[in-house]
PDB file of N, CA and C in Angstrom:
ATOM      1  N   MET A   1     154.132-101.179  62.192  1.00  0.00           N
ATOM      2  CA  MET A   1     154.399-101.248  60.777  1.00  0.00           C
ATOM      3  C   MET A   1     153.999-102.620  60.253  1.00  0.00           C
ATOM      4  N   ILE A   2     153.405-102.632  59.097  1.00  0.00           N
ATOM      5  CA  ILE A   2     152.967-103.880  58.480  1.00  0.00           C
ATOM      6  C   ILE A   2     154.140-104.496  57.724  1.00  0.00           C
ATOM      7  N   SER A   3     154.361-105.803  57.966  1.00  0.00           N
ATOM      8  CA  SER A   3     155.451-106.483  57.283  1.00  0.00           C
ATOM      9  C   SER A   3     155.060-106.795  55.835  1.00  0.00           C
ATOM     10  N   THR A   4     156.047-107.173  55.065  1.00  0.00           N
ATOM     11  CA  THR A   4     155.824-107.500  53.656  1.00  0.00           C
ATOM     12  C   THR A   4     154.905-108.706  53.507  1.00  0.00           C
ATOM     13  N   ASN A   5     155.083-109.692  54.365  1.00  0.00           N
ATOM     14  CA  ASN A   5     154.214-110.868  54.297  1.00  0.00           C
ATOM     15  C   ASN A   5     152.776-110.532  54.640  1.00  0.00           C
ATOM     16  N   GLN A   6     152.565-109.622  55.581  1.00  0.00           N
ATOM     17  CA  GLN A   6     151.212-109.204  55.928  1.00  0.00           C
ATOM     18  C   GLN A   6     150.573-108.432  54.776  1.00  0.00           C
ATOM     19  N   LYS A   7     151.354-107.587  54.103  1.00  0.00           N
ATOM     20  CA  LYS A   7     150.840-106.867  52.941  1.00  0.00           C
ATOM     21  C   LYS A   7     150.412-107.839  51.847  1.00  0.00           C
ATOM     22  N   THR A   8     151.252-108.841  51.586  1.00  0.00           N
ATOM     23  CA  THR A   8     150.936-109.835  50.567  1.00  0.00           C
ATOM     24  C   THR A   8     149.664-110.591  50.932  1.00  0.00           C
ATOM     25  N   THR A   9     149.533-110.964  52.201  1.00  0.00           N
ATOM     26  CA  THR A   9     148.331-111.668  52.641  1.00  0.00           C
ATOM     27  C   THR A   9     147.085-110.813  52.442  1.00  0.00           C
ATOM     28  N   ILE A  10     147.163-109.552  52.770  1.00  0.00           N
ATOM     29  CA  ILE A  10     146.024-108.651  52.595  1.00  0.00           C
ATOM     30  C   ILE A  10     145.691-108.486  51.117  1.00  0.00           C
ATOM     31  N   ILE A  11     146.710-108.327  50.299  1.00  0.00           N
ATOM     32  CA  ILE A  11     146.492-108.124  48.865  1.00  0.00           C
ATOM     33  C   ILE A  11     145.796-109.325  48.242  1.00  0.00           C
ATOM     34  N   PHE A  12     146.158-110.536  48.645  1.00  0.00           N
ATOM     35  CA  PHE A  12     145.551-111.729  48.064  1.00  0.00           C
ATOM     36  C   PHE A  12     144.276-112.165  48.788  1.00  0.00           C
ATOM     37  N   ALA A  13     144.034-111.646  49.983  1.00  0.00           N
ATOM     38  CA  ALA A  13     142.795-111.979  50.702  1.00  0.00           C
ATOM     39  C   ALA A  13     141.604-111.255  50.088  1.00  0.00           C
ATOM     40  N   LEU A  14     141.815-110.068  49.566  1.00  0.00           N
ATOM     41  CA  LEU A  14     140.713-109.300  48.988  1.00  0.00           C
ATOM     42  C   LEU A  14     140.080-110.005  47.784  1.00  0.00           C
ATOM     43  N   PRO A  15     140.834-110.490  46.802  1.00  0.00           N
ATOM     44  CA  PRO A  15     140.200-111.236  45.713  1.00  0.00           C
ATOM     45  C   PRO A  15     139.498-112.503  46.195  1.00  0.00           C
ATOM     46  N   ALA A  16     140.086-113.185  47.178  1.00  0.00           N
ATOM     47  CA  ALA A  16     139.444-114.391  47.716  1.00  0.00           C
ATOM     48  C   ALA A  16     138.104-114.038  48.358  1.00  0.00           C
ATOM     49  N   LEU A  17     138.066-112.932  49.077  1.00  0.00           N
ATOM     50  CA  LEU A  17     136.822-112.476  49.691  1.00  0.00           C
ATOM     51  C   LEU A  17     135.780-112.120  48.629  1.00  0.00           C
ATOM     52  N   LEU A  18     136.199-111.427  47.586  1.00  0.00           N
ATOM     53  CA  LEU A  18     135.264-111.047  46.525  1.00  0.00           C
ATOM     54  C   LEU A  18     134.707-112.262  45.788  1.00  0.00           C
ATOM     55  N   ILE A  19     135.550-113.250  45.514  1.00  0.00           N
ATOM     56  CA  ILE A  19     135.088-114.464  44.843  1.00  0.00           C
ATOM     57  C   ILE A  19     134.123-115.234  45.743  1.00  0.00           C
ATOM     58  N   SER A  20     134.423-115.307  47.036  1.00  0.00           N
ATOM     59  CA  SER A  20     133.523-116.040  47.929  1.00  0.00           C
ATOM     60  C   SER A  20     132.186-115.306  48.099  1.00  0.00           C
ATOM     61  N   VAL A  21     132.194-113.980  48.117  1.00  0.00           N
ATOM     62  CA  VAL A  21     130.936-113.227  48.161  1.00  0.00           C
ATOM     63  C   VAL A  21     130.125-113.492  46.904  1.00  0.00           C
ATOM     64  N   ALA A  22     130.775-113.499  45.754  1.00  0.00           N
ATOM     65  CA  ALA A  22     130.082-113.789  44.496  1.00  0.00           C
ATOM     66  C   ALA A  22     129.540-115.215  44.493  1.00  0.00           C
ATOM     67  N   PHE A  23     130.274-116.153  45.060  1.00  0.00           N
ATOM     68  CA  PHE A  23     129.819-117.539  45.110  1.00  0.00           C
ATOM     69  C   PHE A  23     128.548-117.665  45.945  1.00  0.00           C
ATOM     70  N   PHE A  24     128.559-117.063  47.140  1.00  0.00           N
ATOM     71  CA  PHE A  24     127.377-117.156  47.996  1.00  0.00           C
ATOM     72  C   PHE A  24     126.208-116.354  47.434  1.00  0.00           C
ATOM     73  N   ALA A  25     126.494-115.264  46.775  1.00  0.00           N
ATOM     74  CA  ALA A  25     125.419-114.512  46.116  1.00  0.00           C
ATOM     75  C   ALA A  25     124.814-115.338  44.989  1.00  0.00           C
ATOM     76  N   ASN A  26     125.642-116.068  44.289  1.00  0.00           N
ATOM     77  CA  ASN A  26     125.157-116.933  43.212  1.00  0.00           C
ATOM     78  C   ASN A  26     124.231-118.024  43.762  1.00  0.00           C
ATOM     79  N   LEU A  27     124.496-118.478  44.979  1.00  0.00           N
ATOM     80  CA  LEU A  27     123.665-119.507  45.589  1.00  0.00           C
ATOM     81  C   LEU A  27     122.328-118.962  46.098  1.00  0.00           C
ATOM     82  N   PHE A  28     122.346-117.756  46.665  1.00  0.00           N
ATOM     83  CA  PHE A  28     121.181-117.273  47.394  1.00  0.00           C
ATOM     84  C   PHE A  28     120.425-116.112  46.754  1.00  0.00           C
ATOM     85  N   VAL A  29     121.009-115.407  45.804  1.00  0.00           N
ATOM     86  CA  VAL A  29     120.360-114.253  45.194  1.00  0.00           C
ATOM     87  C   VAL A  29     119.725-114.679  43.877  1.00  0.00           C
ATOM     88  N   GLU A  30     118.438-114.424  43.761  1.00  0.00           N
ATOM     89  CA  GLU A  30     117.754-114.759  42.523  1.00  0.00           C
ATOM     90  C   GLU A  30     118.185-113.784  41.436  1.00  0.00           C
ATOM     91  N   GLY A  31     118.472-114.294  40.263  1.00  0.00           N
ATOM     92  CA  GLY A  31     118.909-113.458  39.154  1.00  0.00           C
ATOM     93  C   GLY A  31     120.422-113.378  39.007  1.00  0.00           C
ATOM     94  N   TRP A  32     121.145-113.917  39.974  1.00  0.00           N
ATOM     95  CA  TRP A  32     122.610-113.954  39.893  1.00  0.00           C
ATOM     96  C   TRP A  32     122.968-115.311  39.320  1.00  0.00           C
ATOM     97  N   ASN A  33     123.334-115.359  38.060  1.00  0.00           N
ATOM     98  CA  ASN A  33     123.537-116.629  37.371  1.00  0.00           C
ATOM     99  C   ASN A  33     124.931-116.714  36.765  1.00  0.00           C
ATOM    100  N   TRP A  34     125.932-116.901  37.608  1.00  0.00           N
ATOM    101  CA  TRP A  34     127.284-117.082  37.110  1.00  0.00           C
ATOM    102  C   TRP A  34     127.530-118.563  36.873  1.00  0.00           C
ATOM    103  N   SER A  35     128.156-118.874  35.756  1.00  0.00           N
ATOM    104  CA  SER A  35     128.575-120.250  35.493  1.00  0.00           C
ATOM    105  C   SER A  35     129.973-120.458  36.079  1.00  0.00           C
ATOM    106  N   SER A  36     130.440-121.683  36.008  1.00  0.00           N
ATOM    107  CA  SER A  36     131.783-121.956  36.536  1.00  0.00           C
ATOM    108  C   SER A  36     132.850-121.203  35.744  1.00  0.00           C
ATOM    109  N   SER A  37     132.629-121.004  34.443  1.00  0.00           N
ATOM    110  CA  SER A  37     133.600-120.244  33.653  1.00  0.00           C
ATOM    111  C   SER A  37     133.632-118.776  34.076  1.00  0.00           C
ATOM    112  N   ASP A  38     132.502-118.235  34.503  1.00  0.00           N
ATOM    113  CA  ASP A  38     132.481-116.863  35.013  1.00  0.00           C
ATOM    114  C   ASP A  38     133.339-116.732  36.267  1.00  0.00           C
ATOM    115  N   PHE A  39     133.243-117.723  37.149  1.00  0.00           N
ATOM    116  CA  PHE A  39     134.058-117.706  38.361  1.00  0.00           C
ATOM    117  C   PHE A  39     135.544-117.856  38.039  1.00  0.00           C
ATOM    118  N   ILE A  40     135.868-118.673  37.072  1.00  0.00           N
ATOM    119  CA  ILE A  40     137.273-118.857  36.685  1.00  0.00           C
ATOM    120  C   ILE A  40     137.836-117.570  36.095  1.00  0.00           C
ATOM    121  N   ILE A  41     137.074-116.934  35.222  1.00  0.00           N
ATOM    122  CA  ILE A  41     137.521-115.677  34.610  1.00  0.00           C
ATOM    123  C   ILE A  41     137.682-114.599  35.674  1.00  0.00           C
ATOM    124  N   ALA A  42     136.713-114.499  36.590  1.00  0.00           N
ATOM    125  CA  ALA A  42     136.801-113.505  37.661  1.00  0.00           C
ATOM    126  C   ALA A  42     138.012-113.766  38.550  1.00  0.00           C
ATOM    127  N   ALA A  43     138.257-115.028  38.869  1.00  0.00           N
ATOM    128  CA  ALA A  43     139.403-115.360  39.721  1.00  0.00           C
ATOM    129  C   ALA A  43     140.719-115.021  39.034  1.00  0.00           C
ATOM    130  N   VAL A  44     140.820-115.336  37.748  1.00  0.00           N
ATOM    131  CA  VAL A  44     142.049-115.017  37.005  1.00  0.00           C
ATOM    132  C   VAL A  44     142.265-113.509  36.971  1.00  0.00           C
ATOM    133  N   LEU A  45     141.206-112.753  36.694  1.00  0.00           N
ATOM    134  CA  LEU A  45     141.336-111.294  36.649  1.00  0.00           C
ATOM    135  C   LEU A  45     141.709-110.717  38.014  1.00  0.00           C
ATOM    136  N   LEU A  46     141.017-111.138  39.063  1.00  0.00           N
ATOM    137  CA  LEU A  46     141.259-110.565  40.389  1.00  0.00           C
ATOM    138  C   LEU A  46     142.612-110.980  40.969  1.00  0.00           C
ATOM    139  N   PHE A  47     142.934-112.265  40.870  1.00  0.00           N
ATOM    140  CA  PHE A  47     144.220-112.701  41.414  1.00  0.00           C
ATOM    141  C   PHE A  47     145.392-112.248  40.543  1.00  0.00           C
ATOM    142  N   GLY A  48     145.181-112.120  39.239  1.00  0.00           N
ATOM    143  CA  GLY A  48     146.218-111.546  38.376  1.00  0.00           C
ATOM    144  C   GLY A  48     146.497-110.094  38.719  1.00  0.00           C
ATOM    145  N   THR A  49     145.432-109.359  38.969  1.00  0.00           N
ATOM    146  CA  THR A  49     145.588-107.962  39.380  1.00  0.00           C
ATOM    147  C   THR A  49     146.314-107.875  40.713  1.00  0.00           C
ATOM    148  N   ALA A  50     145.938-108.732  41.658  1.00  0.00           N
ATOM    149  CA  ALA A  50     146.609-108.747  42.960  1.00  0.00           C
ATOM    150  C   ALA A  50     148.086-109.088  42.811  1.00  0.00           C
ATOM    151  N   PHE A  51     148.400-110.024  41.924  1.00  0.00           N
ATOM    152  CA  PHE A  51     149.793-110.400  41.686  1.00  0.00           C
ATOM    153  C   PHE A  51     150.605-109.214  41.175  1.00  0.00           C
ATOM    154  N   PHE A  52     150.069-108.507  40.173  1.00  0.00           N
ATOM    155  CA  PHE A  52     150.816-107.386  39.598  1.00  0.00           C
ATOM    156  C   PHE A  52     150.922-106.214  40.576  1.00  0.00           C
ATOM    157  N   ILE A  53     149.886-105.968  41.340  1.00  0.00           N
ATOM    158  CA  ILE A  53     149.973-104.899  42.347  1.00  0.00           C
ATOM    159  C   ILE A  53     150.984-105.275  43.425  1.00  0.00           C
ATOM    160  N   ASN A  54     151.030-106.540  43.794  1.00  0.00           N
ATOM    161  CA  ASN A  54     152.029-106.994  44.760  1.00  0.00           C
ATOM    162  C   ASN A  54     153.440-106.791  44.215  1.00  0.00           C
ATOM    163  N   LEU A  55     153.642-107.069  42.929  1.00  0.00           N
ATOM    164  CA  LEU A  55     154.964-106.827  42.323  1.00  0.00           C
ATOM    165  C   LEU A  55     155.329-105.346  42.378  1.00  0.00           C
ATOM    166  N   VAL A  56     154.375-104.489  42.089  1.00  0.00           N
ATOM    167  CA  VAL A  56     154.630-103.052  42.105  1.00  0.00           C
ATOM    168  C   VAL A  56     154.963-102.592  43.516  1.00  0.00           C
ATOM    169  N   ILE A  57     154.218-103.057  44.498  1.00  0.00           N
ATOM    170  CA  ILE A  57     154.447-102.629  45.881  1.00  0.00           C
ATOM    171  C   ILE A  57     155.810-103.088  46.385  1.00  0.00           C
ATOM    172  N   ARG A  58     156.252-104.259  45.948  1.00  0.00           N
ATOM    173  CA  ARG A  58     157.551-104.771  46.390  1.00  0.00           C
ATOM    174  C   ARG A  58     158.738-104.122  45.661  1.00  0.00           C
ATOM    175  N   SER A  59     158.470-103.342  44.627  1.00  0.00           N
ATOM    176  CA  SER A  59     159.564-102.721  43.884  1.00  0.00           C
ATOM    177  C   SER A  59     160.212-101.617  44.707  1.00  0.00           C
ATOM    178  N   GLU A  60     161.375-101.202  44.251  1.00  0.00           N
ATOM    179  CA  GLU A  60     162.153-100.185  44.953  1.00  0.00           C
ATOM    180  C   GLU A  60     161.889 -98.766  44.427  1.00  0.00           C
ATOM    181  N   LYS A  61     160.799 -98.576  43.735  1.00  0.00           N
ATOM    182  CA  LYS A  61     160.490 -97.275  43.145  1.00  0.00           C
ATOM    183  C   LYS A  61     159.893 -96.341  44.195  1.00  0.00           C
ATOM    184  N   SER A  62     159.649 -95.105  43.784  1.00  0.00           N
ATOM    185  CA  SER A  62     159.075 -94.111  44.689  1.00  0.00           C
ATOM    186  C   SER A  62     157.597 -94.416  44.940  1.00  0.00           C
ATOM    187  N   PRO A  63     157.073 -93.948  46.075  1.00  0.00           N
ATOM    188  CA  PRO A  63     155.652 -94.182  46.368  1.00  0.00           C
ATOM    189  C   PRO A  63     154.716 -93.582  45.311  1.00  0.00           C
ATOM    190  N   ARG A  64     155.092 -92.463  44.746  1.00  0.00           N
ATOM    191  CA  ARG A  64     154.262 -91.842  43.712  1.00  0.00           C
ATOM    192  C   ARG A  64     154.193 -92.740  42.463  1.00  0.00           C
ATOM    193  N   PHE A  65     155.321 -93.292  42.065  1.00  0.00           N
ATOM    194  CA  PHE A  65     155.364 -94.202  40.925  1.00  0.00           C
ATOM    195  C   PHE A  65     154.524 -95.446  41.194  1.00  0.00           C
ATOM    196  N   LYS A  66     154.662 -96.010  42.408  1.00  0.00           N
ATOM    197  CA  LYS A  66     153.883 -97.190  42.776  1.00  0.00           C
ATOM    198  C   LYS A  66     152.386 -96.900  42.709  1.00  0.00           C
ATOM    199  N   LEU A  67     151.995 -95.729  43.175  1.00  0.00           N
ATOM    200  CA  LEU A  67     150.580 -95.354  43.163  1.00  0.00           C
ATOM    201  C   LEU A  67     150.064 -95.206  41.737  1.00  0.00           C
ATOM    202  N   MET A  68     150.831 -94.581  40.866  1.00  0.00           N
ATOM    203  CA  MET A  68     150.408 -94.403  39.478  1.00  0.00           C
ATOM    204  C   MET A  68     150.293 -95.744  38.756  1.00  0.00           C
ATOM    205  N   ILE A  69     151.255 -96.623  38.939  1.00  0.00           N
ATOM    206  CA  ILE A  69     151.218 -97.928  38.282  1.00  0.00           C
ATOM    207  C   ILE A  69     150.074 -98.777  38.835  1.00  0.00           C
ATOM    208  N   SER A  70     149.877 -98.753  40.145  1.00  0.00           N
ATOM    209  CA  SER A  70     148.772 -99.509  40.743  1.00  0.00           C
ATOM    210  C   SER A  70     147.424 -98.998  40.250  1.00  0.00           C
ATOM    211  N   PHE A  71     147.285 -97.690  40.144  1.00  0.00           N
ATOM    212  CA  PHE A  71     146.050 -97.115  39.611  1.00  0.00           C
ATOM    213  C   PHE A  71     145.833 -97.551  38.165  1.00  0.00           C
ATOM    214  N   SER A  72     146.895 -97.579  37.383  1.00  0.00           N
ATOM    215  CA  SER A  72     146.792 -98.018  35.986  1.00  0.00           C
ATOM    216  C   SER A  72     146.362 -99.481  35.896  1.00  0.00           C
ATOM    217  N   ILE A  73     146.912-100.314  36.757  1.00  0.00           N
ATOM    218  CA  ILE A  73     146.536-101.730  36.775  1.00  0.00           C
ATOM    219  C   ILE A  73     145.060-101.881  37.135  1.00  0.00           C
ATOM    220  N   LEU A  74     144.598-101.137  38.134  1.00  0.00           N
ATOM    221  CA  LEU A  74     143.185-101.203  38.527  1.00  0.00           C
ATOM    222  C   LEU A  74     142.273-100.653  37.436  1.00  0.00           C
ATOM    223  N   LEU A  75     142.729 -99.653  36.707  1.00  0.00           N
ATOM    224  CA  LEU A  75     141.940 -99.112  35.596  1.00  0.00           C
ATOM    225  C   LEU A  75     141.794-100.147  34.483  1.00  0.00           C
ATOM    226  N   VAL A  76     142.860-100.851  34.171  1.00  0.00           N
ATOM    227  CA  VAL A  76     142.798-101.912  33.160  1.00  0.00           C
ATOM    228  C   VAL A  76     141.853-103.016  33.618  1.00  0.00           C
ATOM    229  N   LEU A  77     141.929-103.395  34.893  1.00  0.00           N
ATOM    230  CA  LEU A  77     141.004-104.399  35.426  1.00  0.00           C
ATOM    231  C   LEU A  77     139.558-103.937  35.253  1.00  0.00           C
ATOM    232  N   ALA A  78     139.268-102.692  35.611  1.00  0.00           N
ATOM    233  CA  ALA A  78     137.906-102.174  35.508  1.00  0.00           C
ATOM    234  C   ALA A  78     137.426-102.165  34.059  1.00  0.00           C
ATOM    235  N   LEU A  79     138.273-101.759  33.132  1.00  0.00           N
ATOM    236  CA  LEU A  79     137.876-101.732  31.727  1.00  0.00           C
ATOM    237  C   LEU A  79     137.609-103.137  31.183  1.00  0.00           C
ATOM    238  N   ILE A  80     138.448-104.098  31.545  1.00  0.00           N
ATOM    239  CA  ILE A  80     138.231-105.470  31.094  1.00  0.00           C
ATOM    240  C   ILE A  80     136.955-106.028  31.714  1.00  0.00           C
ATOM    241  N   TRP A  81     136.752-105.777  33.009  1.00  0.00           N
ATOM    242  CA  TRP A  81     135.562-106.280  33.695  1.00  0.00           C
ATOM    243  C   TRP A  81     134.284-105.697  33.072  1.00  0.00           C
ATOM    244  N   ILE A  82     134.301-104.400  32.813  1.00  0.00           N
ATOM    245  CA  ILE A  82     133.137-103.748  32.207  1.00  0.00           C
ATOM    246  C   ILE A  82     132.902-104.278  30.798  1.00  0.00           C
ATOM    247  N   GLU A  83     133.965-104.477  30.058  1.00  0.00           N
ATOM    248  CA  GLU A  83     133.819-105.006  28.699  1.00  0.00           C
ATOM    249  C   GLU A  83     133.209-106.405  28.723  1.00  0.00           C
ATOM    250  N   LEU A  84     133.652-107.236  29.636  1.00  0.00           N
ATOM    251  CA  LEU A  84     133.093-108.574  29.725  1.00  0.00           C
ATOM    252  C   LEU A  84     131.648-108.563  30.219  1.00  0.00           C
ATOM    253  N   ALA A  85     131.312-107.592  31.044  1.00  0.00           N
ATOM    254  CA  ALA A  85     129.960-107.535  31.620  1.00  0.00           C
ATOM    255  C   ALA A  85     128.938-106.989  30.639  1.00  0.00           C
ATOM    256  N   VAL A  86     129.244-105.855  30.002  1.00  0.00           N
ATOM    257  CA  VAL A  86     128.235-105.199  29.165  1.00  0.00           C
ATOM    258  C   VAL A  86     128.692-104.907  27.750  1.00  0.00           C
ATOM    259  N   GLY A  87     129.958-105.063  27.436  1.00  0.00           N
ATOM    260  CA  GLY A  87     130.433-104.877  26.075  1.00  0.00           C
ATOM    261  C   GLY A  87     130.437-103.435  25.611  1.00  0.00           C
ATOM    262  N   ILE A  88     131.069-102.530  26.369  1.00  0.00           N
ATOM    263  CA  ILE A  88     131.075-101.109  25.964  1.00  0.00           C
ATOM    264  C   ILE A  88     131.876-100.852  24.714  1.00  0.00           C
ATOM    265  N   PHE A  89     132.846-101.719  24.416  1.00  0.00           N
ATOM    266  CA  PHE A  89     133.663-101.514  23.217  1.00  0.00           C
ATOM    267  C   PHE A  89     133.224-102.376  22.053  1.00  0.00           C
ATOM    268  N   GLY A  90     132.332-103.323  22.290  1.00  0.00           N
ATOM    269  CA  GLY A  90     131.834-104.185  21.223  1.00  0.00           C
ATOM    270  C   GLY A  90     132.831-105.213  20.740  1.00  0.00           C
ATOM    271  N   SER A  91     133.724-105.640  21.594  1.00  0.00           N
ATOM    272  CA  SER A  91     134.724-106.632  21.206  1.00  0.00           C
ATOM    273  C   SER A  91     134.101-108.038  21.228  1.00  0.00           C
ATOM    274  N   PRO A  92     134.776-109.011  20.612  1.00  0.00           N
ATOM    275  CA  PRO A  92     134.269-110.398  20.658  1.00  0.00           C
ATOM    276  C   PRO A  92     134.281-110.993  22.058  1.00  0.00           C
ATOM    277  N   PHE A  93     135.084-110.433  22.964  1.00  0.00           N
ATOM    278  CA  PHE A  93     135.142-110.948  24.322  1.00  0.00           C
ATOM    279  C   PHE A  93     133.806-110.789  25.052  1.00  0.00           C
ATOM    280  N   ALA A  94     133.076-109.747  24.701  1.00  0.00           N
ATOM    281  CA  ALA A  94     131.826-109.458  25.399  1.00  0.00           C
ATOM    282  C   ALA A  94     130.692-110.356  24.923  1.00  0.00           C
ATOM    283  N   GLY A  95     130.915-111.092  23.889  1.00  0.00           N
ATOM    284  CA  GLY A  95     129.883-111.971  23.378  1.00  0.00           C
ATOM    285  C   GLY A  95     128.877-111.257  22.513  1.00  0.00           C
ATOM    286  N   SER A  96     129.252-110.077  22.031  1.00  0.00           N
ATOM    287  CA  SER A  96     128.314-109.323  21.189  1.00  0.00           C
ATOM    288  C   SER A  96     128.565-109.564  19.713  1.00  0.00           C
TER     289      SER A  96
END
């Protein structure tokens, strides 16, 4: 059985891995041009999502409730990420 501390470590290791992959891709892949503000925004979004999912997992609710809330959090992350990337909603955040 995985302990609570191990779950927390796994939950926060995934955003760290994604940010480091993006960093090395930015160094070595032509056409990948993230600025430092892009990395800060990505880190805030990914680690914020990990924080809220960790809160949900540590709650005393049913597994079905935890799954629905976690899915909702990931859906919000995806919508914000897509909006910042391509501006599907045309908000000022997308720079359009």
